[in-house]
Amino acid sequence: MKTMHNKILVVGGGAAGIAIGKAFKQRNMDFDIVEREDNFSGNWYFNSNASRVYRSTHLISSKTNTQFSDFPMPEDYPAYPNHEQFSNYLLTVAEHYHLYDHAIMNTSVEQLLPENYGWRARLSNGEEYWYPEVVVANGLLREPYYPSIKGEFSGTLIHSCEYCKPDILKDKSVLIVGGGNSGCDIAVDAVHYAKKTFHSLRRGYHFMPKFINGKPTQEWLMEIVSEFESPEAYWSYVKDIFKMAGFDGQDYGLPKPDHEIYEAHPIVNSNLLYHIGH
């Protein structure tokens, strides 16, 4: 049975869905948020099917740069909150803006079809609704990507999305494939548990510490940008500072990056190079 809804459909109740719902609520707009899990916070809902965080996960963007400007995180949160703190913050935002009143939980959108200048949505609970507008906020991380690698391997093979805690690495020889933030975090976990840790990187990367001059690095970067006449001068200075702080991968035998520091998502990790150096 098809019902007409003069609402906006938001697909997904993670951080983006919460942000969109908050904005709609503040503008007195009517909407539904359809969420597959039984609560909000998406990727940050630890141990849920939507979550890809592990026990040691912390934000790599600072509290100040991550929070809503009109709804700050608690003052007692550290500069880089852990996954549980950030999830609790998102749930607090959802509760404060009464997003639960608009939520359809434990439900997924199985089909969206254009119809009458809007969209007909079929939900997993068997219901169908027509919406004039749809916002898709179903995340980027739910489906893992497995590269095709030739050869055979008889050991245990897992994707980072399946990794929750380092106990599974205890006393094993471990190879981490990939130099993104997750790969670097897991490599740091592994050195404390594994018998041997190997880390495979396909190219050189730029590494950023979490703190510079007593401040979260992103806030320091934003603070000093006005002091430079050009982006080239700014980034040249930043790279010099990072090198003096011990965050040039080439000093540890890693390849020279094939891209500029501002051309790719940064690796924000204060421990990886430290352990390589040891």
Protein backbone atom coordinates (compact mmCIF):
# COMPACT_ATOMS: atom_id res chain seq x y z
CA MET A 1 0.00 0.00 0.00
CA LYS A 2 1.40 3.35 -1.06
CA THR A 3 1.03 6.45 1.16
CA MET A 4 1.68 10.02 0.13
CA HIS A 5 4.10 11.88 2.41
CA ASN A 6 4.75 15.58 2.07
CA LYS A 7 8.03 15.06 3.90
CA ILE A 8 11.69 14.74 3.04
CA LEU A 9 13.21 11.28 3.29
CA VAL A 10 16.67 11.00 4.85
CA VAL A 11 18.29 7.64 4.20
CA GLY A 12 20.67 6.86 7.06
CA GLY A 13 21.03 7.99 10.66
CA GLY A 14 24.78 8.29 10.95
CA ALA A 15 26.72 11.52 11.49
CA ALA A 16 25.56 12.98 8.16
CA GLY A 17 21.94 11.94 8.68
CA ILE A 18 21.97 13.50 12.15
CA ALA A 19 23.45 16.73 10.76
CA ILE A 20 20.78 16.88 8.06
CA GLY A 21 17.99 16.09 10.51
CA LYS A 22 19.29 18.78 12.88
CA ALA A 23 19.26 21.36 10.07
CA PHE A 24 15.75 20.37 9.00
CA LYS A 25 14.47 20.50 12.59
CA GLN A 26 15.93 23.96 13.12
CA ARG A 27 14.01 25.12 10.03
CA ASN A 28 10.73 23.46 11.05
CA MET A 29 10.80 21.10 8.08
CA ASP A 30 9.08 17.72 8.21
CA PHE A 31 11.09 14.59 7.45
CA ASP A 32 11.63 10.89 8.10
CA ILE A 33 15.01 9.34 8.89
CA VAL A 34 15.14 5.68 7.91
CA GLU A 35 17.94 3.82 9.71
CA ARG A 36 18.87 0.16 9.29
CA GLU A 37 20.20 -0.22 12.83
CA ASP A 38 18.31 0.19 16.12
CA ASN A 39 19.89 3.56 16.95
CA PHE A 40 21.64 6.58 15.49
CA SER A 41 25.40 7.24 14.95
CA GLY A 42 26.11 4.90 12.03
CA ASN A 43 29.80 4.12 11.70
CA TRP A 44 30.35 5.22 15.30
CA TYR A 45 27.81 2.73 16.71
CA PHE A 46 30.46 0.29 17.93
CA ASN A 47 29.82 -3.42 17.28
CA SER A 48 26.79 -2.70 15.11
CA ASN A 49 26.56 -3.90 11.51
CA ALA A 50 27.07 -0.30 10.40
CA SER A 51 30.22 0.26 12.44
CA ARG A 52 33.76 0.02 11.10
CA VAL A 53 35.50 1.41 14.17
CA TYR A 54 37.79 -0.64 16.39
CA ARG A 55 38.40 -0.50 20.11
CA SER A 56 41.30 1.94 19.87
CA THR A 57 39.60 4.33 17.41
CA HIS A 58 39.83 8.04 18.16
CA LEU A 59 38.92 10.98 15.96
CA ILE A 60 41.69 12.27 13.71
CA SER A 61 39.99 15.66 13.52
CA SER A 62 40.03 17.63 16.74
CA LYS A 63 37.01 18.11 18.96
CA THR A 64 36.80 21.79 17.99
CA ASN A 65 36.93 21.02 14.26
CA THR A 66 34.41 18.17 14.46
CA GLN A 67 31.63 19.44 16.71
CA PHE A 68 28.61 21.46 15.61
CA SER A 69 29.42 25.13 16.15
CA ASP A 70 26.09 25.66 17.93
CA PHE A 71 26.24 22.41 19.92
CA PRO A 72 29.76 21.88 21.30
CA MET A 73 31.06 18.65 22.74
CA PRO A 74 31.37 18.40 26.53
CA GLU A 75 34.23 20.42 27.99
CA ASP A 76 35.72 17.35 29.66
CA TYR A 77 36.16 15.57 26.31
CA PRO A 78 39.81 15.33 25.21
CA ALA A 79 41.11 17.06 22.10
CA TYR A 80 40.60 13.81 20.14
CA PRO A 81 37.57 11.94 21.56
CA ASN A 82 37.39 8.17 21.27
CA HIS A 83 34.66 6.40 19.32
CA GLU A 84 32.42 5.90 22.35
CA GLN A 85 32.58 9.57 23.32
CA PHE A 86 31.84 10.70 19.78
CA SER A 87 28.93 8.26 19.44
CA ASN A 88 27.49 9.53 22.73
CA TYR A 89 27.83 13.08 21.44
CA LEU A 90 25.94 12.23 18.25
CA LEU A 91 23.18 10.52 20.25
CA THR A 92 22.93 13.60 22.48
CA VAL A 93 22.51 15.77 19.39
CA ALA A 94 19.81 13.42 18.07
CA GLU A 95 17.96 13.51 21.38
CA HIS A 96 18.28 17.29 21.82
CA TYR A 97 16.76 17.97 18.41
CA HIS A 98 14.05 15.28 18.85
CA LEU A 99 15.25 13.29 15.86
CA TYR A 100 13.92 10.09 17.43
CA ASP A 101 10.42 11.47 16.73
CA HIS A 102 11.28 11.32 13.02
CA ALA A 103 13.16 8.01 13.01
CA ILE A 104 12.11 4.71 11.48
CA MET A 105 14.62 2.31 13.05
CA ASN A 106 15.53 -1.29 12.17
CA THR A 107 14.43 -0.52 8.64
CA SER A 108 16.23 -0.09 5.33
CA VAL A 109 15.23 1.53 2.06
CA GLU A 110 15.10 -1.29 -0.46
CA GLN A 111 14.07 0.68 -3.53
CA LEU A 112 13.72 4.27 -4.71
CA LEU A 113 11.82 4.92 -7.93
CA PRO A 114 11.11 8.32 -9.54
CA GLU A 115 7.38 9.04 -9.56
CA ASN A 116 5.24 12.17 -9.97
CA TYR A 117 8.18 14.57 -9.63
CA GLY A 118 9.22 12.80 -6.43
CA TRP A 119 10.27 9.39 -5.22
CA ARG A 120 8.46 6.22 -4.23
CA ALA A 121 10.38 4.49 -1.44
CA ARG A 122 9.88 0.83 -0.60
CA LEU A 123 11.01 -0.02 2.92
CA SER A 124 12.13 -3.36 4.32
CA ASN A 125 9.10 -3.41 6.63
CA GLY A 126 6.86 -3.73 3.56
CA GLU A 127 5.61 -0.16 3.58
CA GLU A 128 5.82 2.22 0.64
CA TYR A 129 5.75 6.00 0.76
CA TRP A 130 6.01 8.82 -1.74
CA TYR A 131 8.39 11.67 -0.92
CA PRO A 132 8.94 14.89 -2.89
CA GLU A 133 12.64 14.95 -1.91
CA VAL A 134 15.21 12.39 -0.77
CA VAL A 135 18.58 12.92 0.91
CA VAL A 136 20.87 9.89 0.70
CA ALA A 137 23.19 9.68 3.73
CA ASN A 138 23.89 5.96 3.83
CA GLY A 139 27.64 6.30 4.34
CA LEU A 140 30.79 5.25 2.52
CA LEU A 141 32.12 2.50 4.76
CA ARG A 142 29.51 -0.23 5.03
CA GLU A 143 30.70 -2.36 2.08
CA PRO A 144 34.40 -3.34 2.25
CA TYR A 145 36.61 -3.34 -0.84
CA TYR A 146 38.81 -6.40 -1.26
CA PRO A 147 41.65 -5.95 -3.77
CA SER A 148 42.50 -8.79 -6.11
CA ILE A 149 45.97 -10.09 -5.18
CA LYS A 150 47.52 -13.01 -7.04
CA GLY A 151 48.86 -16.00 -5.14
CA GLU A 152 47.79 -18.19 -2.25
CA PHE A 153 47.64 -17.52 1.48
CA SER A 154 46.82 -20.13 4.10
CA GLY A 155 46.66 -17.84 7.13
CA THR A 156 43.83 -15.73 8.48
CA LEU A 157 42.76 -12.91 6.16
CA ILE A 158 40.52 -10.12 7.46
CA HIS A 159 39.48 -6.72 6.22
CA SER A 160 39.90 -3.73 8.52
CA CYS A 161 36.10 -3.52 8.71
CA GLU A 162 36.19 -6.83 10.62
CA TYR A 163 38.88 -5.67 13.04
CA CYS A 164 37.61 -4.74 16.52
CA LYS A 165 40.38 -5.38 19.01
CA PRO A 166 44.06 -6.37 18.87
CA ASP A 167 43.70 -9.62 20.82
CA ILE A 168 43.31 -11.50 17.53
CA LEU A 169 46.87 -10.47 16.60
CA LYS A 170 48.50 -11.83 19.74
CA ASP A 171 51.78 -13.71 19.13
CA LYS A 172 51.26 -13.85 15.34
CA SER A 173 53.21 -12.54 12.40
CA VAL A 174 50.97 -9.84 10.99
CA LEU A 175 51.00 -8.01 7.66
CA ILE A 176 48.91 -4.86 7.36
CA VAL A 177 48.22 -3.92 3.73
CA GLY A 178 47.41 -0.25 3.22
CA GLY A 179 48.70 3.07 4.51
CA GLY A 180 45.48 4.92 5.26
CA ASN A 181 44.55 6.06 8.75
CA SER A 182 42.96 2.69 9.61
CA GLY A 183 45.98 0.73 8.38
CA CYS A 184 48.33 2.92 10.40
CA ASP A 185 46.18 2.66 13.52
CA ILE A 186 46.02 -1.14 13.26
CA ALA A 187 49.78 -1.34 12.66
CA VAL A 188 50.32 0.58 15.91
CA ASP A 189 47.96 -1.80 17.70
CA ALA A 190 49.81 -4.77 16.23
CA VAL A 191 53.24 -3.82 17.54
CA HIS A 192 51.97 -4.27 21.10
CA TYR A 193 50.42 -7.69 20.49
CA ALA A 194 51.90 -9.39 17.43
CA LYS A 195 55.08 -11.46 17.35
CA LYS A 196 56.16 -9.53 14.25
CA THR A 197 54.50 -6.65 12.44
CA PHE A 198 54.94 -5.83 8.76
CA HIS A 199 53.31 -2.89 7.01
CA SER A 200 52.90 -2.77 3.23
CA LEU A 201 52.61 0.69 1.64
CA ARG A 202 52.16 1.14 -2.10
CA ARG A 203 53.63 4.66 -2.02
CA GLY A 204 55.01 7.31 0.28
CA TYR A 205 52.66 9.34 2.46
CA HIS A 206 52.67 12.61 4.33
CA PHE A 207 52.29 12.13 8.07
CA MET A 208 50.88 14.66 10.50
CA PRO A 209 51.24 14.60 14.29
CA LYS A 210 48.15 15.06 16.39
CA PHE A 211 49.65 18.02 18.25
CA ILE A 212 52.01 20.85 17.26
CA ASN A 213 53.02 23.71 19.55
CA GLY A 214 50.67 22.42 22.23
CA LYS A 215 47.60 22.51 20.00
CA PRO A 216 45.71 19.96 17.91
CA THR A 217 47.47 20.10 14.55
CA GLN A 218 44.42 21.09 12.51
CA GLU A 219 43.78 24.04 14.81
CA TRP A 220 47.43 25.09 14.56
CA LEU A 221 47.23 24.85 10.76
CA MET A 222 44.17 27.10 10.71
CA GLU A 223 45.72 29.54 13.17
CA ILE A 224 48.89 30.24 11.17
CA VAL A 225 47.49 30.32 7.63
CA SER A 226 46.95 34.10 7.65
CA GLU A 227 50.67 34.66 8.24
CA PHE A 228 51.62 33.58 4.70
CA GLU A 229 51.29 35.35 1.38
CA SER A 230 50.78 32.21 -0.71
CA PRO A 231 49.68 28.57 -0.32
CA GLU A 232 53.14 27.48 -1.50
CA ALA A 233 54.88 29.41 1.30
CA TYR A 234 52.38 28.12 3.84
CA TRP A 235 52.75 24.44 2.97
CA SER A 236 56.53 24.73 2.65
CA TYR A 237 56.66 26.06 6.22
CA VAL A 238 54.27 23.35 7.47
CA LYS A 239 56.40 20.59 5.94
CA ASP A 240 59.54 22.06 7.51
CA ILE A 241 57.88 22.09 10.93
CA PHE A 242 56.63 18.53 10.55
CA LYS A 243 60.13 17.41 9.56
CA MET A 244 61.67 19.07 12.63
CA ALA A 245 59.02 17.36 14.76
CA GLY A 246 60.06 13.97 13.35
CA PHE A 247 57.19 13.43 10.91
CA ASP A 248 58.98 13.06 7.60
CA GLY A 249 58.56 9.43 6.53
CA GLN A 250 61.70 9.57 4.38
CA ASP A 251 63.78 9.96 7.55
CA TYR A 252 62.58 6.49 8.54
CA GLY A 253 63.29 4.86 5.18
CA LEU A 254 59.82 5.24 3.70
CA PRO A 255 59.36 6.31 0.06
CA LYS A 256 59.06 9.94 -0.93
CA PRO A 257 55.39 10.85 -1.45
CA ASP A 258 54.33 11.18 -5.08
CA HIS A 259 51.84 13.92 -4.17
CA GLU A 260 51.77 17.16 -2.26
CA ILE A 261 50.70 17.24 1.38
CA TYR A 262 47.44 19.02 0.46
CA GLU A 263 46.51 16.68 -2.41
CA ALA A 264 45.40 13.62 -0.40
CA HIS A 265 43.71 12.81 2.87
CA PRO A 266 46.38 13.25 5.55
CA ILE A 267 47.66 10.46 7.77
CA VAL A 268 47.19 11.84 11.27
CA ASN A 269 49.09 9.51 13.58
CA SER A 270 51.63 10.36 16.25
CA ASN A 271 52.73 6.77 16.88
CA LEU A 272 53.41 5.02 13.57
CA LEU A 273 56.75 6.65 12.77
CA TYR A 274 57.74 6.39 16.44
CA HIS A 275 57.38 2.61 16.29
CA ILE A 276 59.12 2.37 12.90
CA GLY A 277 62.01 4.25 14.47
CA HIS A 278 62.15 1.66 17.24
